Amino acid sequence: MATDKPHKAAFYDLDGTLLSCNLVTTYAYYARNERSLFKSAYLFIRVLLNVPLFLGLDLYSRTRFNVYFFRMYRGMHRDRLIGLADDLFEVTLKPSIYPGAEELVHRTREEGFRNVLVTGAHDITVRPIALHFGIEEVICNRLEFKNHLATGRVLPPLVAEGEKARIIRDYAEQEGIDLDRSLAFSDSTSDIPMLAVTGHPVATNPTRRLRRFALQNRWPILDLSSKELAFALP
């Protein structure tokens, strides 16, 4: 094992944690910008009609939500998605970055943590976000394509819920990361396994359910709505 490898990491969820937007927001942008006006209107209306179902599935199981949600991409052309990704970031995602997010990522890097994104978002959307934050290590879902068209499936493993924790454990073993010295940041109870797999879980912009769980388990709670971070790294 190389001696210059970091021995601790900071694992970041993305949607709701570093950004205030979510998977539905990003898909809606792709849908609105289809070249065919008819197809664009159809896809956008379809996503709006599915919002109640998305909310219900997400409350029940983030994994099932992801499986259902990524079916919405079926038939979208890979080149078109790639071509829109940078504009999506500039128009929609960049303005949704929490005020304290960049300072937090900078601080963990300066303190010797290897920053790693662990997100259910797909690879095409995540690339410009990771570049913006200067995060080189990314664990995310990958859209499956056949003949350059999205099949509506993701390549395994599906990055969600307990699978995030398993992937992090495997990553740590391969990279020589000490999880007891590592950090994890997320906003959702679906990521409790991801948070708990590290020695220093941080409930970040938490939902009410995660805030309650964090208080019960004496986990620190971090609010990134301000650039002033009242948070001490371990």
C-alpha atoms as a PDB file:
ATOM      1  CA  MET A   1       0.000   0.000   0.000  1.00  0.00           C
ATOM      2  CA  ALA A   2       1.359   3.424  -0.936  1.00  0.00           C
ATOM      3  CA  THR A   3       2.435   5.437   2.086  1.00  0.00           C
ATOM      4  CA  ASP A   4       1.073   8.712   0.693  1.00  0.00           C
ATOM      5  CA  LYS A   5      -2.552   7.516   0.579  1.00  0.00           C
ATOM      6  CA  PRO A   6      -4.908   9.292   2.943  1.00  0.00           C
ATOM      7  CA  HIS A   7      -6.015   7.082   5.801  1.00  0.00           C
ATOM      8  CA  LYS A   8      -9.307   8.858   6.381  1.00  0.00           C
ATOM      9  CA  ALA A   9     -12.087  10.003   4.082  1.00  0.00           C
ATOM     10  CA  ALA A  10     -15.109  12.287   4.041  1.00  0.00           C
ATOM     11  CA  PHE A  11     -18.051  10.626   2.289  1.00  0.00           C
ATOM     12  CA  TYR A  12     -20.632  13.069   0.939  1.00  0.00           C
ATOM     13  CA  ASP A  13     -24.175  12.447  -0.199  1.00  0.00           C
ATOM     14  CA  LEU A  14     -25.195  15.003  -2.820  1.00  0.00           C
ATOM     15  CA  ASP A  15     -28.900  15.859  -3.204  1.00  0.00           C
ATOM     16  CA  GLY A  16     -30.178  17.560  -0.058  1.00  0.00           C
ATOM     17  CA  THR A  17     -26.710  17.502   1.464  1.00  0.00           C
ATOM     18  CA  LEU A  18     -24.452  19.647  -0.722  1.00  0.00           C
ATOM     19  CA  LEU A  19     -27.262  20.729  -3.073  1.00  0.00           C
ATOM     20  CA  SER A  20     -30.846  21.679  -2.287  1.00  0.00           C
ATOM     21  CA  CYS A  21     -32.190  20.098  -5.498  1.00  0.00           C
ATOM     22  CA  ASN A  22     -32.950  16.433  -6.186  1.00  0.00           C
ATOM     23  CA  LEU A  23     -33.113  13.741  -8.879  1.00  0.00           C
ATOM     24  CA  VAL A  24     -36.524  14.895 -10.081  1.00  0.00           C
ATOM     25  CA  THR A  25     -35.244  18.449 -10.606  1.00  0.00           C
ATOM     26  CA  THR A  26     -32.397  17.229 -12.794  1.00  0.00           C
ATOM     27  CA  TYR A  27     -34.618  14.942 -14.865  1.00  0.00           C
ATOM     28  CA  ALA A  28     -37.114  17.756 -15.394  1.00  0.00           C
ATOM     29  CA  TYR A  29     -34.325  19.863 -16.924  1.00  0.00           C
ATOM     30  CA  TYR A  30     -33.405  17.112 -19.378  1.00  0.00           C
ATOM     31  CA  ALA A  31     -37.087  16.625 -20.230  1.00  0.00           C
ATOM     32  CA  ARG A  32     -37.702  20.341 -20.847  1.00  0.00           C
ATOM     33  CA  ASN A  33     -34.741  20.509 -23.197  1.00  0.00           C
ATOM     34  CA  GLU A  34     -35.549  17.644 -25.542  1.00  0.00           C
ATOM     35  CA  ARG A  35     -35.154  18.765 -29.166  1.00  0.00           C
ATOM     36  CA  SER A  36     -38.683  17.702 -30.055  1.00  0.00           C
ATOM     37  CA  LEU A  37     -41.187  20.150 -28.585  1.00  0.00           C
ATOM     38  CA  PHE A  38     -43.850  17.434 -28.465  1.00  0.00           C
ATOM     39  CA  LYS A  39     -41.538  14.952 -26.716  1.00  0.00           C
ATOM     40  CA  SER A  40     -40.322  17.620 -24.306  1.00  0.00           C
ATOM     41  CA  ALA A  41     -43.887  18.502 -23.310  1.00  0.00           C
ATOM     42  CA  TYR A  42     -44.806  14.822 -22.961  1.00  0.00           C
ATOM     43  CA  LEU A  43     -41.805  14.002 -20.735  1.00  0.00           C
ATOM     44  CA  PHE A  44     -42.248  17.081 -18.567  1.00  0.00           C
ATOM     45  CA  ILE A  45     -45.970  16.462 -18.026  1.00  0.00           C
ATOM     46  CA  ARG A  46     -45.237  12.816 -17.265  1.00  0.00           C
ATOM     47  CA  VAL A  47     -42.765  13.702 -14.530  1.00  0.00           C
ATOM     48  CA  LEU A  48     -45.219  16.183 -12.991  1.00  0.00           C
ATOM     49  CA  LEU A  49     -47.955  13.552 -12.923  1.00  0.00           C
ATOM     50  CA  ASN A  50     -45.582  11.099 -11.248  1.00  0.00           C
ATOM     51  CA  VAL A  51     -44.509  13.417  -8.413  1.00  0.00           C
ATOM     52  CA  PRO A  52     -47.018  11.990  -5.863  1.00  0.00           C
ATOM     53  CA  LEU A  53     -45.829   8.471  -6.694  1.00  0.00           C
ATOM     54  CA  PHE A  54     -42.188   9.557  -6.387  1.00  0.00           C
ATOM     55  CA  LEU A  55     -42.861  10.970  -2.927  1.00  0.00           C
ATOM     56  CA  GLY A  56     -44.617   7.819  -1.785  1.00  0.00           C
ATOM     57  CA  LEU A  57     -41.934   5.490  -3.121  1.00  0.00           C
ATOM     58  CA  ASP A  58     -39.162   7.592  -1.599  1.00  0.00           C
ATOM     59  CA  LEU A  59     -40.791   7.403   1.829  1.00  0.00           C
ATOM     60  CA  TYR A  60     -41.175   3.643   1.469  1.00  0.00           C
ATOM     61  CA  SER A  61     -37.798   2.751  -0.070  1.00  0.00           C
ATOM     62  CA  ARG A  62     -35.119   4.864  -1.720  1.00  0.00           C
ATOM     63  CA  THR A  63     -33.973   1.796  -3.646  1.00  0.00           C
ATOM     64  CA  ARG A  64     -37.429   1.193  -5.139  1.00  0.00           C
ATOM     65  CA  PHE A  65     -37.741   4.898  -5.877  1.00  0.00           C
ATOM     66  CA  ASN A  66     -34.471   4.808  -7.833  1.00  0.00           C
ATOM     67  CA  VAL A  67     -35.466   1.712  -9.809  1.00  0.00           C
ATOM     68  CA  TYR A  68     -38.772   3.314 -10.802  1.00  0.00           C
ATOM     69  CA  PHE A  69     -37.368   6.788 -11.341  1.00  0.00           C
ATOM     70  CA  PHE A  70     -34.544   5.821 -13.703  1.00  0.00           C
ATOM     71  CA  ARG A  71     -37.106   4.179 -15.996  1.00  0.00           C
ATOM     72  CA  MET A  72     -38.088   7.740 -16.888  1.00  0.00           C
ATOM     73  CA  TYR A  73     -34.806   8.061 -18.810  1.00  0.00           C
ATOM     74  CA  ARG A  74     -35.678   5.236 -21.211  1.00  0.00           C
ATOM     75  CA  GLY A  75     -35.152   6.325 -24.812  1.00  0.00           C
ATOM     76  CA  MET A  76     -33.066   9.409 -24.036  1.00  0.00           C
ATOM     77  CA  HIS A  77     -29.939   9.688 -26.187  1.00  0.00           C
ATOM     78  CA  ARG A  78     -26.589   9.507 -24.415  1.00  0.00           C
ATOM     79  CA  ASP A  79     -25.041  12.324 -26.461  1.00  0.00           C
ATOM     80  CA  ARG A  80     -27.980  14.619 -25.723  1.00  0.00           C
ATOM     81  CA  LEU A  81     -27.707  13.993 -21.975  1.00  0.00           C
ATOM     82  CA  ILE A  82     -23.962  14.632 -22.053  1.00  0.00           C
ATOM     83  CA  GLY A  83     -24.487  17.770 -24.127  1.00  0.00           C
ATOM     84  CA  LEU A  84     -26.980  19.167 -21.617  1.00  0.00           C
ATOM     85  CA  ALA A  85     -25.063  18.250 -18.452  1.00  0.00           C
ATOM     86  CA  ASP A  86     -22.914  21.381 -18.245  1.00  0.00           C
ATOM     87  CA  ASP A  87     -25.876  23.685 -18.886  1.00  0.00           C
ATOM     88  CA  LEU A  88     -27.898  21.765 -16.307  1.00  0.00           C
ATOM     89  CA  PHE A  89     -25.156  22.411 -13.794  1.00  0.00           C
ATOM     90  CA  GLU A  90     -24.859  26.123 -14.551  1.00  0.00           C
ATOM     91  CA  VAL A  91     -28.597  26.831 -14.748  1.00  0.00           C
ATOM     92  CA  THR A  92     -30.051  24.533 -12.091  1.00  0.00           C
ATOM     93  CA  LEU A  93     -27.489  22.748  -9.928  1.00  0.00           C
ATOM     94  CA  LYS A  94     -24.875  25.412  -9.241  1.00  0.00           C
ATOM     95  CA  PRO A  95     -27.443  27.910  -7.869  1.00  0.00           C
ATOM     96  CA  SER A  96     -28.718  25.167  -5.549  1.00  0.00           C
ATOM     97  CA  ILE A  97     -25.363  24.586  -3.828  1.00  0.00           C
ATOM     98  CA  TYR A  98     -25.791  25.287  -0.125  1.00  0.00           C
ATOM     99  CA  PRO A  99     -23.842  28.391   0.987  1.00  0.00           C
ATOM    100  CA  GLY A 100     -21.625  26.418   3.359  1.00  0.00           C
ATOM    101  CA  ALA A 101     -21.050  23.391   1.126  1.00  0.00           C
ATOM    102  CA  GLU A 102     -17.900  24.533  -0.664  1.00  0.00           C
ATOM    103  CA  GLU A 103     -16.277  25.665   2.586  1.00  0.00           C
ATOM    104  CA  LEU A 104     -17.023  22.287   4.176  1.00  0.00           C
ATOM    105  CA  VAL A 105     -15.538  20.330   1.264  1.00  0.00           C
ATOM    106  CA  HIS A 106     -12.504  22.630   1.285  1.00  0.00           C
ATOM    107  CA  ARG A 107     -12.075  22.204   5.025  1.00  0.00           C
ATOM    108  CA  THR A 108     -12.193  18.415   4.982  1.00  0.00           C
ATOM    109  CA  ARG A 109      -9.657  18.374   2.148  1.00  0.00           C
ATOM    110  CA  GLU A 110      -7.340  20.728   4.043  1.00  0.00           C
ATOM    111  CA  GLU A 111      -7.598  18.518   7.132  1.00  0.00           C
ATOM    112  CA  GLY A 112      -6.338  15.510   5.202  1.00  0.00           C
ATOM    113  CA  PHE A 113      -9.611  13.751   4.425  1.00  0.00           C
ATOM    114  CA  ARG A 114     -10.073  12.222   0.996  1.00  0.00           C
ATOM    115  CA  ASN A 115     -13.355  13.652  -0.285  1.00  0.00           C
ATOM    116  CA  VAL A 116     -15.657  11.087  -1.896  1.00  0.00           C
ATOM    117  CA  LEU A 117     -19.114  11.655  -3.410  1.00  0.00           C
ATOM    118  CA  VAL A 118     -21.513   8.780  -2.731  1.00  0.00           C
ATOM    119  CA  THR A 119     -24.758   9.583  -4.494  1.00  0.00           C
ATOM    120  CA  GLY A 120     -27.784   8.029  -6.133  1.00  0.00           C
ATOM    121  CA  ALA A 121     -27.563  10.606  -8.932  1.00  0.00           C
ATOM    122  CA  HIS A 122     -26.294   9.315 -12.275  1.00  0.00           C
ATOM    123  CA  ASP A 123     -22.817   9.707 -13.666  1.00  0.00           C
ATOM    124  CA  ILE A 124     -23.584  12.187 -16.446  1.00  0.00           C
ATOM    125  CA  THR A 125     -25.180  14.665 -14.050  1.00  0.00           C
ATOM    126  CA  VAL A 126     -22.554  14.185 -11.346  1.00  0.00           C
ATOM    127  CA  ARG A 127     -19.454  14.852 -13.483  1.00  0.00           C
ATOM    128  CA  PRO A 128     -19.651  18.693 -13.615  1.00  0.00           C
ATOM    129  CA  ILE A 129     -20.644  18.833  -9.931  1.00  0.00           C
ATOM    130  CA  ALA A 130     -17.603  16.814  -8.904  1.00  0.00           C
ATOM    131  CA  LEU A 131     -15.368  19.018 -11.055  1.00  0.00           C
ATOM    132  CA  HIS A 132     -16.792  22.145  -9.433  1.00  0.00           C
ATOM    133  CA  PHE A 133     -16.099  20.863  -5.926  1.00  0.00           C
ATOM    134  CA  GLY A 134     -12.720  19.418  -6.911  1.00  0.00           C
ATOM    135  CA  ILE A 135     -13.781  15.940  -5.823  1.00  0.00           C
ATOM    136  CA  GLU A 136     -11.971  13.257  -7.813  1.00  0.00           C
ATOM    137  CA  GLU A 137     -13.495  10.192  -6.170  1.00  0.00           C
ATOM    138  CA  VAL A 138     -17.116   9.564  -7.179  1.00  0.00           C
ATOM    139  CA  ILE A 139     -19.403   6.633  -6.393  1.00  0.00           C
ATOM    140  CA  CYS A 140     -22.709   7.040  -8.222  1.00  0.00           C
ATOM    141  CA  ASN A 141     -25.299   5.310 -10.351  1.00  0.00           C
ATOM    142  CA  ARG A 142     -24.467   4.697 -14.006  1.00  0.00           C
ATOM    143  CA  LEU A 143     -27.134   4.753 -16.675  1.00  0.00           C
ATOM    144  CA  GLU A 144     -27.255   1.727 -18.966  1.00  0.00           C
ATOM    145  CA  PHE A 145     -27.286   2.460 -22.708  1.00  0.00           C
ATOM    146  CA  LYS A 146     -27.895   0.291 -25.763  1.00  0.00           C
ATOM    147  CA  ASN A 147     -27.199   1.783 -29.188  1.00  0.00           C
ATOM    148  CA  HIS A 148     -26.665   5.118 -27.387  1.00  0.00           C
ATOM    149  CA  LEU A 149     -30.194   5.101 -25.941  1.00  0.00           C
ATOM    150  CA  ALA A 150     -30.923   4.814 -22.220  1.00  0.00           C
ATOM    151  CA  THR A 151     -32.609   1.522 -21.347  1.00  0.00           C
ATOM    152  CA  GLY A 152     -34.244   2.871 -18.197  1.00  0.00           C
ATOM    153  CA  ARG A 153     -31.958   0.786 -16.007  1.00  0.00           C
ATOM    154  CA  VAL A 154     -28.744   1.474 -14.128  1.00  0.00           C
ATOM    155  CA  LEU A 155     -25.655  -0.693 -14.170  1.00  0.00           C
ATOM    156  CA  PRO A 156     -25.212  -2.607 -10.903  1.00  0.00           C
ATOM    157  CA  PRO A 157     -24.703  -1.944  -8.117  1.00  0.00           C
ATOM    158  CA  LEU A 158     -27.627   0.397  -7.473  1.00  0.00           C
ATOM    159  CA  VAL A 159     -26.243   3.091  -5.169  1.00  0.00           C
ATOM    160  CA  ALA A 160     -28.874   3.589  -2.459  1.00  0.00           C
ATOM    161  CA  GLU A 161     -29.638   2.848   1.206  1.00  0.00           C
ATOM    162  CA  GLY A 162     -27.679  -0.093   2.647  1.00  0.00           C
ATOM    163  CA  GLU A 163     -25.834  -0.622  -0.628  1.00  0.00           C
ATOM    164  CA  LYS A 164     -24.081   2.698  -0.044  1.00  0.00           C
ATOM    165  CA  ALA A 165     -22.656   1.347   3.214  1.00  0.00           C
ATOM    166  CA  ARG A 166     -21.486  -1.869   1.547  1.00  0.00           C
ATOM    167  CA  ILE A 167     -19.816   0.062  -1.278  1.00  0.00           C
ATOM    168  CA  ILE A 168     -18.094   2.355   1.219  1.00  0.00           C
ATOM    169  CA  ARG A 169     -16.785  -0.627   3.207  1.00  0.00           C
ATOM    170  CA  ASP A 170     -15.405  -2.216   0.035  1.00  0.00           C
ATOM    171  CA  TYR A 171     -13.890   1.089  -1.062  1.00  0.00           C
ATOM    172  CA  ALA A 172     -12.253   1.605   2.325  1.00  0.00           C
ATOM    173  CA  GLU A 173     -10.744  -1.875   2.272  1.00  0.00           C
ATOM    174  CA  GLN A 174      -9.356  -1.391  -1.240  1.00  0.00           C
ATOM    175  CA  GLU A 175      -7.989   2.092  -0.559  1.00  0.00           C
ATOM    176  CA  GLY A 176      -6.664   1.626   2.966  1.00  0.00           C
ATOM    177  CA  ILE A 177      -9.173   4.021   4.525  1.00  0.00           C
ATOM    178  CA  ASP A 178      -9.783   3.839   8.263  1.00  0.00           C
ATOM    179  CA  LEU A 179     -13.557   4.162   8.567  1.00  0.00           C
ATOM    180  CA  ASP A 180     -13.360   4.807  12.311  1.00  0.00           C
ATOM    181  CA  ARG A 181     -11.472   8.030  11.529  1.00  0.00           C
ATOM    182  CA  SER A 182     -13.687   8.944   8.586  1.00  0.00           C
ATOM    183  CA  LEU A 183     -16.684  11.256   8.184  1.00  0.00           C
ATOM    184  CA  ALA A 184     -20.019  10.836   6.420  1.00  0.00           C
ATOM    185  CA  PHE A 185     -22.494  13.604   5.570  1.00  0.00           C
ATOM    186  CA  SER A 186     -26.136  13.140   4.545  1.00  0.00           C
ATOM    187  CA  ASP A 187     -29.581  14.668   4.993  1.00  0.00           C
ATOM    188  CA  SER A 188     -31.821  11.592   4.863  1.00  0.00           C
ATOM    189  CA  THR A 189     -32.775   8.606   7.010  1.00  0.00           C
ATOM    190  CA  SER A 190     -32.302   6.442   3.907  1.00  0.00           C
ATOM    191  CA  ASP A 191     -28.582   7.110   4.383  1.00  0.00           C
ATOM    192  CA  ILE A 192     -28.390   6.044   8.025  1.00  0.00           C
ATOM    193  CA  PRO A 193     -26.412   2.919   6.984  1.00  0.00           C
ATOM    194  CA  MET A 194     -23.952   5.128   5.079  1.00  0.00           C
ATOM    195  CA  LEU A 195     -23.618   7.496   8.020  1.00  0.00           C
ATOM    196  CA  ALA A 196     -23.270   4.733  10.596  1.00  0.00           C
ATOM    197  CA  VAL A 197     -20.529   2.886   8.720  1.00  0.00           C
ATOM    198  CA  THR A 198     -18.080   5.682   9.613  1.00  0.00           C
ATOM    199  CA  GLY A 199     -16.802   6.719  13.002  1.00  0.00           C
ATOM    200  CA  HIS A 200     -18.051  10.287  12.554  1.00  0.00           C
ATOM    201  CA  PRO A 201     -21.553  10.519  11.031  1.00  0.00           C
ATOM    202  CA  VAL A 202     -22.898  14.041  10.528  1.00  0.00           C
ATOM    203  CA  ALA A 203     -26.591  14.735   9.893  1.00  0.00           C
ATOM    204  CA  THR A 204     -26.340  17.521   7.317  1.00  0.00           C
ATOM    205  CA  ASN A 205     -29.356  19.731   6.535  1.00  0.00           C
ATOM    206  CA  PRO A 206     -31.336  16.837   7.994  1.00  0.00           C
ATOM    207  CA  THR A 207     -34.958  15.984   7.417  1.00  0.00           C
ATOM    208  CA  ARG A 208     -37.106  15.950  10.552  1.00  0.00           C
ATOM    209  CA  ARG A 209     -36.770  12.185  10.832  1.00  0.00           C
ATOM    210  CA  LEU A 210     -32.990  12.241  10.530  1.00  0.00           C
ATOM    211  CA  ARG A 211     -32.718  15.179  12.938  1.00  0.00           C
ATOM    212  CA  ARG A 212     -34.705  13.220  15.520  1.00  0.00           C
ATOM    213  CA  PHE A 213     -32.555  10.122  14.961  1.00  0.00           C
ATOM    214  CA  ALA A 214     -29.351  12.177  15.198  1.00  0.00           C
ATOM    215  CA  LEU A 215     -30.424  13.752  18.487  1.00  0.00           C
ATOM    216  CA  GLN A 216     -31.310  10.336  19.898  1.00  0.00           C
ATOM    217  CA  ASN A 217     -27.912   8.962  18.901  1.00  0.00           C
ATOM    218  CA  ARG A 218     -25.907  12.095  19.749  1.00  0.00           C
ATOM    219  CA  TRP A 219     -24.737  12.622  16.203  1.00  0.00           C
ATOM    220  CA  PRO A 220     -23.677  16.151  15.296  1.00  0.00           C
ATOM    221  CA  ILE A 221     -26.099  18.168  13.170  1.00  0.00           C
ATOM    222  CA  LEU A 222     -24.753  20.534  10.522  1.00  0.00           C
ATOM    223  CA  ASP A 223     -26.647  23.300   8.724  1.00  0.00           C
ATOM    224  CA  LEU A 224     -25.053  24.437   5.455  1.00  0.00           C
ATOM    225  CA  SER A 225     -27.531  27.252   4.809  1.00  0.00           C
ATOM    226  CA  SER A 226     -24.877  29.705   6.042  1.00  0.00           C
ATOM    227  CA  LYS A 227     -21.278  30.165   4.906  1.00  0.00           C
ATOM    228  CA  GLU A 228     -20.276  30.375   8.565  1.00  0.00           C
ATOM    229  CA  LEU A 229     -19.716  26.783   9.662  1.00  0.00           C
ATOM    230  CA  ALA A 230     -19.965  26.183  13.391  1.00  0.00           C
ATOM    231  CA  PHE A 231     -18.523  22.704  13.054  1.00  0.00           C
ATOM    232  CA  ALA A 232     -15.298  21.230  14.393  1.00  0.00           C
ATOM    233  CA  LEU A 233     -13.743  18.394  12.419  1.00  0.00           C
ATOM    234  CA  PRO A 234     -12.551  15.375  14.428  1.00  0.00           C
END
